[in-house]
N, C-alpha and C. Protein backbone atom coordinates (compact mmCIF):
# COMPACT_ATOMS: atom_id res chain seq x y z
N MET A 1 16.86 -37.20 -12.20
CA MET A 1 15.49 -36.51 -11.64
C MET A 1 15.32 -35.21 -12.36
N ARG A 2 13.88 -35.25 -12.40
CA ARG A 2 13.20 -34.06 -13.12
C ARG A 2 12.85 -33.17 -12.08
N ILE A 3 13.36 -32.05 -12.32
CA ILE A 3 12.68 -30.83 -11.49
C ILE A 3 11.70 -29.86 -11.84
N SER A 4 10.56 -29.94 -11.73
CA SER A 4 9.50 -28.93 -12.23
C SER A 4 9.91 -27.45 -12.16
N SER A 5 9.03 -27.08 -13.01
CA SER A 5 9.46 -25.58 -13.41
C SER A 5 9.05 -24.76 -12.13
N SER A 6 7.90 -25.00 -11.45
CA SER A 6 7.31 -24.44 -10.34
C SER A 6 8.51 -24.70 -9.14
N VAL A 7 9.07 -25.92 -9.30
CA VAL A 7 10.16 -26.08 -8.06
C VAL A 7 11.48 -24.87 -8.42
N LEU A 8 11.86 -24.97 -9.49
CA LEU A 8 13.07 -24.08 -10.13
C LEU A 8 12.89 -22.61 -9.91
N GLY A 9 11.45 -22.06 -10.41
CA GLY A 9 10.97 -20.83 -10.07
C GLY A 9 11.15 -20.29 -8.30
N LEU A 10 10.42 -21.32 -7.87
CA LEU A 10 10.59 -21.10 -6.27
C LEU A 10 12.28 -21.07 -5.92
N ARG A 11 12.84 -21.90 -6.58
CA ARG A 11 14.33 -21.58 -6.04
C ARG A 11 15.04 -20.63 -6.41
N VAL A 12 14.54 -20.32 -7.44
CA VAL A 12 15.23 -18.92 -8.26
C VAL A 12 14.73 -17.78 -6.97
N LEU A 13 13.34 -17.88 -6.44
CA LEU A 13 12.99 -16.95 -5.67
C LEU A 13 13.87 -16.58 -4.32
N GLU A 14 14.61 -18.15 -3.68
CA GLU A 14 14.86 -18.11 -2.40
C GLU A 14 16.63 -17.33 -3.14
N VAL A 15 17.08 -18.04 -4.06
CA VAL A 15 18.34 -17.31 -4.44
C VAL A 15 18.61 -15.85 -4.39
N VAL A 16 17.30 -15.29 -5.29
CA VAL A 16 17.39 -13.63 -5.14
C VAL A 16 16.81 -13.12 -3.74
N LEU A 17 16.37 -13.72 -2.96
CA LEU A 17 16.07 -13.09 -1.82
C LEU A 17 17.45 -13.32 -0.98
N GLY A 18 17.86 -14.19 -0.97
CA GLY A 18 19.16 -14.64 -0.29
C GLY A 18 20.25 -13.82 -0.75
N GLY A 19 20.31 -13.48 -1.62
CA GLY A 19 21.25 -12.54 -2.53
C GLY A 19 20.95 -10.70 -1.70
N LEU A 20 19.53 -10.40 -1.79
CA LEU A 20 19.08 -9.32 -1.28
C LEU A 20 19.63 -9.04 0.21
N PHE A 21 19.67 -10.33 0.90
CA PHE A 21 20.28 -10.08 2.44
C PHE A 21 21.76 -10.31 2.40
N PHE A 22 22.40 -10.92 1.73
CA PHE A 22 23.40 -10.71 1.45
C PHE A 22 23.88 -9.48 1.53
N TYR A 23 23.45 -8.70 0.42
CA TYR A 23 23.78 -7.51 -0.17
C TYR A 23 23.31 -6.66 1.03
N ALA A 24 22.69 -6.57 1.97
CA ALA A 24 21.85 -5.73 2.55
C ALA A 24 22.78 -5.54 3.97
N GLY A 25 23.17 -6.93 4.15
CA GLY A 25 24.20 -6.82 5.41
C GLY A 25 25.54 -6.70 5.03
N LEU A 26 25.85 -6.82 3.93
CA LEU A 26 27.54 -6.56 3.68
C LEU A 26 27.66 -4.81 3.51
N GLN A 27 26.61 -4.26 3.17
CA GLN A 27 26.37 -2.84 3.10
C GLN A 27 26.61 -2.29 4.37
N LYS A 28 26.07 -3.13 5.39
CA LYS A 28 26.04 -2.61 6.86
C LYS A 28 27.81 -2.74 7.35
N VAL A 29 28.00 -4.12 7.04
CA VAL A 29 29.34 -4.51 7.43
C VAL A 29 30.52 -3.34 6.94
N LEU A 30 30.11 -2.98 5.49
CA LEU A 30 31.51 -2.12 4.77
C LEU A 30 31.00 -0.82 5.35
N ASN A 31 30.15 -0.20 6.32
CA ASN A 31 29.60 0.87 6.77
C ASN A 31 29.34 0.98 7.91
N PRO A 32 30.35 0.18 8.92
CA PRO A 32 29.97 -0.03 10.46
C PRO A 32 29.30 1.11 11.15
N TYR A 33 30.58 2.32 10.95
CA TYR A 33 29.83 3.42 11.84
C TYR A 33 28.32 4.02 11.23
N GLU A 34 28.11 4.40 10.44
CA GLU A 34 26.64 4.35 9.81
C GLU A 34 25.86 3.78 10.26
N PHE A 35 25.80 2.23 10.15
CA PHE A 35 24.91 1.52 10.74
C PHE A 35 24.89 1.61 12.30
N ALA A 36 25.74 1.94 12.91
CA ALA A 36 25.97 2.00 14.41
C ALA A 36 25.19 3.12 14.51
N GLU A 37 25.40 4.64 14.12
CA GLU A 37 24.88 5.72 14.20
C GLU A 37 23.06 5.27 13.77
N ALA A 38 22.87 4.39 13.07
CA ALA A 38 21.18 4.10 12.39
C ALA A 38 20.35 3.66 13.52
N VAL A 39 21.49 2.59 14.12
CA VAL A 39 20.74 1.49 15.23
C VAL A 39 20.46 2.48 16.59
N LEU A 40 21.79 3.58 16.74
CA LEU A 40 21.61 3.94 18.06
C LEU A 40 20.22 5.32 17.91
N ALA A 41 20.06 5.89 16.65
CA ALA A 41 18.90 6.85 16.36
C ALA A 41 17.56 6.16 16.63
N TYR A 42 17.40 4.95 16.78
CA TYR A 42 16.19 4.63 17.15
C TYR A 42 15.86 4.72 18.60
N ARG A 43 16.79 4.79 19.52
CA ARG A 43 16.40 5.04 20.83
C ARG A 43 15.65 3.81 21.39
N LEU A 44 15.87 2.39 20.77
CA LEU A 44 15.19 1.29 21.35
C LEU A 44 16.31 0.53 22.46
N LEU A 45 17.60 0.37 22.17
CA LEU A 45 18.43 -0.15 23.10
C LEU A 45 19.20 0.75 23.99
N PRO A 46 19.83 0.22 24.94
CA PRO A 46 21.01 1.01 25.53
C PRO A 46 22.01 1.11 25.14
N GLU A 47 22.42 2.21 25.27
CA GLU A 47 24.06 2.57 24.09
C GLU A 47 24.82 1.28 24.35
N SER A 48 25.11 0.69 25.65
CA SER A 48 26.09 -0.35 25.37
C SER A 48 25.67 -1.42 24.51
N LEU A 49 24.25 -1.74 24.14
CA LEU A 49 24.27 -2.97 23.33
C LEU A 49 23.81 -2.47 21.91
N VAL A 50 23.92 -1.50 21.72
CA VAL A 50 24.33 -0.62 19.99
C VAL A 50 25.36 -1.37 19.14
N GLY A 51 26.60 -1.10 19.82
CA GLY A 51 27.78 -1.89 18.73
C GLY A 51 27.52 -3.63 18.67
N VAL A 52 26.69 -3.85 19.66
CA VAL A 52 26.62 -5.41 19.81
C VAL A 52 25.83 -5.96 18.92
N ALA A 53 24.33 -4.95 18.82
CA ALA A 53 23.62 -5.38 17.66
C ALA A 53 23.81 -4.87 16.02
N ALA A 54 24.76 -3.93 16.20
CA ALA A 54 25.18 -3.35 14.90
C ALA A 54 26.24 -4.24 14.45
N ALA A 55 26.81 -4.65 15.56
CA ALA A 55 27.89 -5.71 14.76
C ALA A 55 27.50 -7.06 14.40
N GLY A 56 26.35 -7.49 15.03
CA GLY A 56 26.10 -8.91 14.68
C GLY A 56 24.88 -8.96 13.92
N LEU A 57 24.10 -8.08 13.70
CA LEU A 57 22.76 -7.93 12.75
C LEU A 57 23.32 -8.43 11.33
N PRO A 58 24.32 -7.57 10.78
CA PRO A 58 24.77 -7.78 9.62
C PRO A 58 25.16 -9.09 9.32
N TRP A 59 25.69 -9.70 10.02
CA TRP A 59 26.41 -11.19 9.66
C TRP A 59 25.28 -11.95 10.12
N LEU A 60 24.36 -11.85 10.67
CA LEU A 60 23.20 -12.80 10.73
C LEU A 60 22.41 -12.97 8.96
N GLU A 61 22.25 -11.50 8.46
CA GLU A 61 22.08 -11.48 7.61
C GLU A 61 23.00 -12.06 6.29
N ILE A 62 24.13 -11.94 6.29
CA ILE A 62 25.28 -12.38 5.23
C ILE A 62 25.05 -13.74 5.37
N ALA A 63 25.02 -14.61 6.54
CA ALA A 63 25.36 -15.84 6.45
C ALA A 63 23.75 -16.39 6.13
N ALA A 64 22.75 -15.76 6.60
CA ALA A 64 21.53 -16.45 5.84
C ALA A 64 21.47 -16.33 4.52
N GLY A 65 21.60 -15.00 4.16
CA GLY A 65 21.67 -14.92 2.73
C GLY A 65 22.74 -16.04 1.80
N LEU A 66 23.55 -15.98 2.41
CA LEU A 66 24.89 -17.14 1.87
C LEU A 66 24.47 -18.31 1.64
N CYS A 67 23.66 -18.76 2.95
CA CYS A 67 23.19 -20.26 3.11
C CYS A 67 21.82 -20.87 2.25
N LEU A 68 21.21 -19.34 2.13
CA LEU A 68 19.87 -19.51 1.65
C LEU A 68 20.07 -19.77 0.01
N GLY A 69 21.03 -18.74 -0.18
CA GLY A 69 21.45 -19.14 -1.90
C GLY A 69 21.97 -19.93 -2.17
N ALA A 70 22.94 -20.70 -1.36
CA ALA A 70 23.37 -22.15 -2.13
C ALA A 70 22.55 -23.14 -1.48
N GLY A 71 21.29 -22.76 -1.04
CA GLY A 71 20.18 -24.03 -0.69
C GLY A 71 20.83 -24.83 0.33
N LEU A 72 21.44 -24.22 1.66
CA LEU A 72 21.89 -25.17 2.55
C LEU A 72 20.65 -24.70 4.14
N LYS A 73 20.41 -25.35 4.45
CA LYS A 73 19.43 -25.22 5.60
C LYS A 73 18.13 -24.49 5.12
N ARG A 74 17.62 -24.21 4.15
CA ARG A 74 16.89 -23.34 3.66
C ARG A 74 15.52 -22.86 4.32
N ARG A 75 15.23 -24.04 5.26
CA ARG A 75 14.17 -23.57 5.91
C ARG A 75 14.39 -22.81 7.39
N SER A 76 15.61 -23.34 8.03
CA SER A 76 16.23 -22.34 8.75
C SER A 76 16.42 -20.94 8.86
N CYS A 77 16.91 -21.07 7.41
CA CYS A 77 17.14 -19.69 6.85
C CYS A 77 16.29 -18.48 6.83
N LEU A 78 15.35 -19.63 6.02
CA LEU A 78 14.03 -18.46 5.60
C LEU A 78 13.07 -18.01 7.09
N LEU A 79 12.96 -19.05 8.33
CA LEU A 79 12.85 -18.79 9.39
C LEU A 79 13.29 -17.64 10.02
N LEU A 80 14.64 -17.62 10.09
CA LEU A 80 15.66 -16.49 10.60
C LEU A 80 15.53 -15.30 9.74
N LEU A 81 15.11 -15.15 8.40
CA LEU A 81 15.20 -13.73 7.76
C LEU A 81 13.74 -13.14 8.01
N ALA A 82 12.39 -14.17 8.29
CA ALA A 82 11.07 -13.88 8.67
C ALA A 82 11.61 -13.16 9.85
N GLY A 83 11.79 -14.04 10.56
CA GLY A 83 12.05 -13.40 12.32
C GLY A 83 12.74 -11.95 12.39
N LEU A 84 13.46 -11.82 10.98
CA LEU A 84 14.76 -10.63 11.40
C LEU A 84 13.63 -9.76 10.84
N VAL A 85 13.02 -10.08 9.83
CA VAL A 85 12.36 -8.86 8.81
C VAL A 85 11.14 -8.23 10.02
N ALA A 86 10.40 -9.56 10.52
CA ALA A 86 9.35 -8.70 11.50
C ALA A 86 10.04 -8.02 12.55
N GLY A 87 11.07 -8.44 13.16
CA GLY A 87 11.47 -7.59 14.06
C GLY A 87 11.91 -5.97 13.65
N PHE A 88 12.60 -6.00 12.25
CA PHE A 88 12.86 -4.65 11.95
C PHE A 88 11.45 -4.09 11.29
N LEU A 89 10.25 -4.90 11.06
CA LEU A 89 9.21 -4.11 10.63
C LEU A 89 8.69 -3.48 11.89
N ILE A 90 8.70 -4.25 12.98
CA ILE A 90 8.16 -3.73 14.43
C ILE A 90 8.89 -2.44 14.94
N VAL A 91 10.16 -2.77 15.02
CA VAL A 91 11.09 -1.13 15.23
C VAL A 91 10.48 0.08 14.26
N ILE A 92 10.38 -0.15 13.19
CA ILE A 92 9.92 0.66 12.15
C ILE A 92 8.53 1.38 12.37
N LEU A 93 7.77 0.55 12.64
CA LEU A 93 6.59 0.89 13.25
C LEU A 93 6.74 1.81 14.39
N ILE A 94 7.27 1.06 15.75
CA ILE A 94 7.56 1.82 17.04
C ILE A 94 7.86 3.40 16.51
N THR A 95 9.13 3.36 15.63
CA THR A 95 9.83 4.40 15.54
C THR A 95 8.69 5.63 14.99
N MET A 96 8.26 5.04 13.94
CA MET A 96 7.03 6.04 13.44
C MET A 96 5.97 6.56 14.32
N ALA A 97 5.64 5.54 15.12
CA ALA A 97 4.70 5.96 16.19
C ALA A 97 5.22 6.91 17.17
N ARG A 98 6.40 7.16 17.34
CA ARG A 98 6.93 7.90 18.36
C ARG A 98 7.65 9.25 17.50
N GLY A 99 7.00 9.28 16.21
CA GLY A 99 6.95 10.57 15.45
C GLY A 99 8.63 11.00 15.04
N LEU A 100 9.68 10.11 15.28
CA LEU A 100 11.01 9.88 15.10
C LEU A 100 11.23 10.26 13.54
N THR A 101 11.88 11.15 13.08
CA THR A 101 12.35 11.12 11.54
C THR A 101 13.59 10.58 11.56
N ILE A 102 14.09 9.33 10.97
CA ILE A 102 15.50 8.85 11.02
C ILE A 102 15.50 8.10 9.81
N ASP A 103 16.98 8.03 9.38
CA ASP A 103 17.43 6.96 8.66
C ASP A 103 16.94 5.48 8.86
N CYS A 104 16.52 4.77 8.31
CA CYS A 104 16.33 3.24 8.45
C CYS A 104 17.23 2.33 8.62
N GLY A 105 18.70 2.85 8.15
CA GLY A 105 19.50 1.82 8.17
C GLY A 105 19.28 0.43 7.66
N CYS A 106 18.50 0.21 6.99
CA CYS A 106 17.84 -0.62 6.12
C CYS A 106 19.31 -1.98 5.48
N GLY A 107 20.08 -1.06 4.89
CA GLY A 107 20.99 -1.95 4.10
C GLY A 107 20.95 -1.49 2.58
N LEU A 108 19.51 -1.76 2.25
CA LEU A 108 19.28 -1.84 1.01
C LEU A 108 19.15 -0.34 0.11
N PHE A 109 19.20 0.66 1.10
CA PHE A 109 19.12 2.07 0.55
C PHE A 109 19.43 2.76 2.05
N PHE A 110 21.06 2.87 2.18
CA PHE A 110 21.17 3.79 3.30
C PHE A 110 20.47 5.31 3.61
N GLU A 111 20.39 5.68 2.62
CA GLU A 111 19.82 7.29 2.79
C GLU A 111 18.37 7.31 2.63
N ARG A 112 17.69 6.27 3.20
CA ARG A 112 16.13 6.10 3.20
C ARG A 112 15.62 6.59 4.54
N GLN A 113 14.82 7.28 4.73
CA GLN A 113 14.21 7.58 6.32
C GLN A 113 12.92 6.63 6.43
N VAL A 114 12.62 6.44 8.05
CA VAL A 114 11.83 5.63 8.21
C VAL A 114 10.62 6.18 8.00
N GLY A 115 9.79 5.30 7.61
CA GLY A 115 8.30 5.70 6.84
C GLY A 115 8.01 4.59 6.31
N MET A 116 6.88 4.98 5.52
CA MET A 116 6.01 4.06 4.82
C MET A 116 6.46 3.13 3.45
N GLY A 117 7.74 3.85 3.02
CA GLY A 117 8.28 2.97 2.22
C GLY A 117 9.06 1.76 2.87
N ALA A 118 9.60 2.18 3.93
CA ALA A 118 10.40 1.18 4.61
C ALA A 118 9.47 0.06 5.18
N VAL A 119 8.13 0.36 5.60
CA VAL A 119 7.21 -0.79 5.99
C VAL A 119 6.80 -1.45 4.82
N LEU A 120 6.60 -0.66 3.66
CA LEU A 120 6.32 -1.60 2.62
C LEU A 120 7.72 -2.53 2.04
N GLU A 121 8.53 -2.12 1.88
CA GLU A 121 9.72 -3.05 1.84
C GLU A 121 9.66 -4.13 2.90
N ASP A 122 9.64 -3.85 4.03
CA ASP A 122 9.83 -4.86 5.02
C ASP A 122 8.56 -5.87 4.81
N ALA A 123 7.35 -5.83 4.54
CA ALA A 123 6.27 -6.22 4.66
C ALA A 123 6.38 -7.13 3.48
N VAL A 124 6.91 -6.64 2.18
CA VAL A 124 7.06 -7.46 0.94
C VAL A 124 8.33 -8.65 1.51
N LEU A 125 9.28 -8.15 1.88
CA LEU A 125 10.31 -9.09 2.28
C LEU A 125 9.66 -10.21 3.29
N LEU A 126 8.86 -9.68 4.31
CA LEU A 126 8.47 -10.83 5.41
C LEU A 126 7.36 -11.63 4.58
N ILE A 127 6.66 -11.09 3.59
CA ILE A 127 5.71 -12.17 2.91
C ILE A 127 6.17 -13.06 2.16
N TRP A 128 7.41 -12.68 1.50
CA TRP A 128 8.19 -13.33 0.83
C TRP A 128 8.90 -14.28 1.28
N ALA A 129 9.80 -14.09 2.50
CA ALA A 129 10.37 -15.24 3.25
C ALA A 129 9.25 -16.28 3.64
N ALA A 130 8.11 -15.63 4.32
CA ALA A 130 7.35 -16.69 5.16
C ALA A 130 6.43 -17.41 3.66
N GLY A 131 6.26 -17.06 2.89
CA GLY A 131 5.62 -17.81 1.68
C GLY A 131 6.63 -18.93 1.29
N LEU A 132 7.94 -18.56 0.97
CA LEU A 132 8.72 -19.51 0.68
C LEU A 132 9.27 -20.53 1.83
N TYR A 133 8.93 -19.91 3.25
CA TYR A 133 9.07 -21.02 4.38
C TYR A 133 7.91 -21.88 4.22
N TRP A 134 6.94 -21.69 4.01
CA TRP A 134 5.69 -22.09 3.95
C TRP A 134 5.95 -23.46 2.92
N TRP A 135 6.18 -22.87 1.81
CA TRP A 135 6.35 -23.58 0.69
C TRP A 135 7.40 -24.81 1.02
N GLU A 136 8.48 -24.65 1.37
CA GLU A 136 9.41 -25.07 2.06
C GLU A 136 8.68 -26.79 2.88
N LEU A 137 7.79 -26.08 4.09
CA LEU A 137 7.27 -27.01 5.02
C LEU A 137 6.46 -27.94 4.12
N LEU A 138 5.56 -27.52 3.25
CA LEU A 138 4.49 -28.02 2.51
C LEU A 138 5.24 -29.23 1.33
N ARG A 139 6.66 -28.85 1.03
CA ARG A 139 7.36 -29.34 0.18
C ARG A 139 7.88 -30.73 0.95
N SER A 140 8.29 -30.46 2.25
CA SER A 140 9.16 -31.49 3.26
C SER A 140 7.97 -32.35 3.40
N GLU A 141 6.89 -32.07 3.76
CA GLU A 141 5.80 -33.03 4.01
C GLU A 141 5.31 -33.98 2.82
N LYS A 142 5.36 -33.43 1.81
CA LYS A 142 4.96 -34.37 0.26
C LYS A 142 6.18 -35.14 -0.19
N CYS A 143 7.43 -34.88 0.14
CA CYS A 143 8.37 -35.52 -0.46
C CYS A 143 9.20 -36.17 0.63
N GLY A 144 9.32 -35.80 1.73
CA GLY A 144 10.43 -36.47 3.13
C GLY A 144 11.30 -35.44 3.00
N PRO A 145 12.48 -35.64 3.85
CA PRO A 145 13.38 -34.52 4.21
C PRO A 145 14.53 -34.49 2.78
N GLY A 146 14.93 -33.49 2.72
CA GLY A 146 16.08 -33.65 1.79
C GLY A 146 15.68 -33.73 0.16
N SER A 147 14.48 -34.16 -0.25
CA SER A 147 14.14 -34.04 -1.53
C SER A 147 13.93 -32.75 -2.22
N ILE A 148 14.23 -32.84 -3.45
CA ILE A 148 14.34 -31.51 -4.46
C ILE A 148 12.99 -31.33 -5.03
N ALA A 149 12.36 -32.65 -5.28
CA ALA A 149 11.33 -32.49 -6.23
C ALA A 149 9.93 -33.35 -5.65
N PRO A 150 8.57 -32.82 -6.23
CA PRO A 150 7.65 -33.72 -5.50
C PRO A 150 7.83 -35.04 -5.91
N ALA A 151 7.21 -36.08 -5.06
CA ALA A 151 7.29 -37.32 -5.25
C ALA A 151 6.52 -37.56 -6.31
N GLY A 152 6.58 -38.65 -6.99
CA GLY A 152 5.73 -39.19 -8.09
C GLY A 152 6.32 -39.30 -9.38
N PRO A 153 5.94 -39.84 -10.29
CA PRO A 153 6.43 -40.57 -11.27
C PRO A 153 7.13 -39.28 -12.23
């Protein structure tokens, strides 16, 4: 079976995106107290839920990143990652509107403040994940489930 260069290029984009989320989640798991402090600083969750969010979110990022990188359940992983990033983006925008100056706890850069840099980063990640999800949907409609290359000779 022949794989087109565009399919290969898009697959590389999925692997890189999965690697970024794996890395971001791993940074949070390796620094649980710092991440919990970052979640608490947003002042959006009751203190009783901060630990749950700080413990669960990184593992979602790690699992989705690993599965996406390995090519498992790609559409599900992309949808989950796009949803996470959309949520993060909303939280950052709310925090900026409230005038809070806090560490974003983003995972890629722990010492970065909430601001336009974090908004831009999340916007790029959201477009990246949503674009790949859209490509996966189109490809599955053309090729059928489980297919790796466009149908045809």
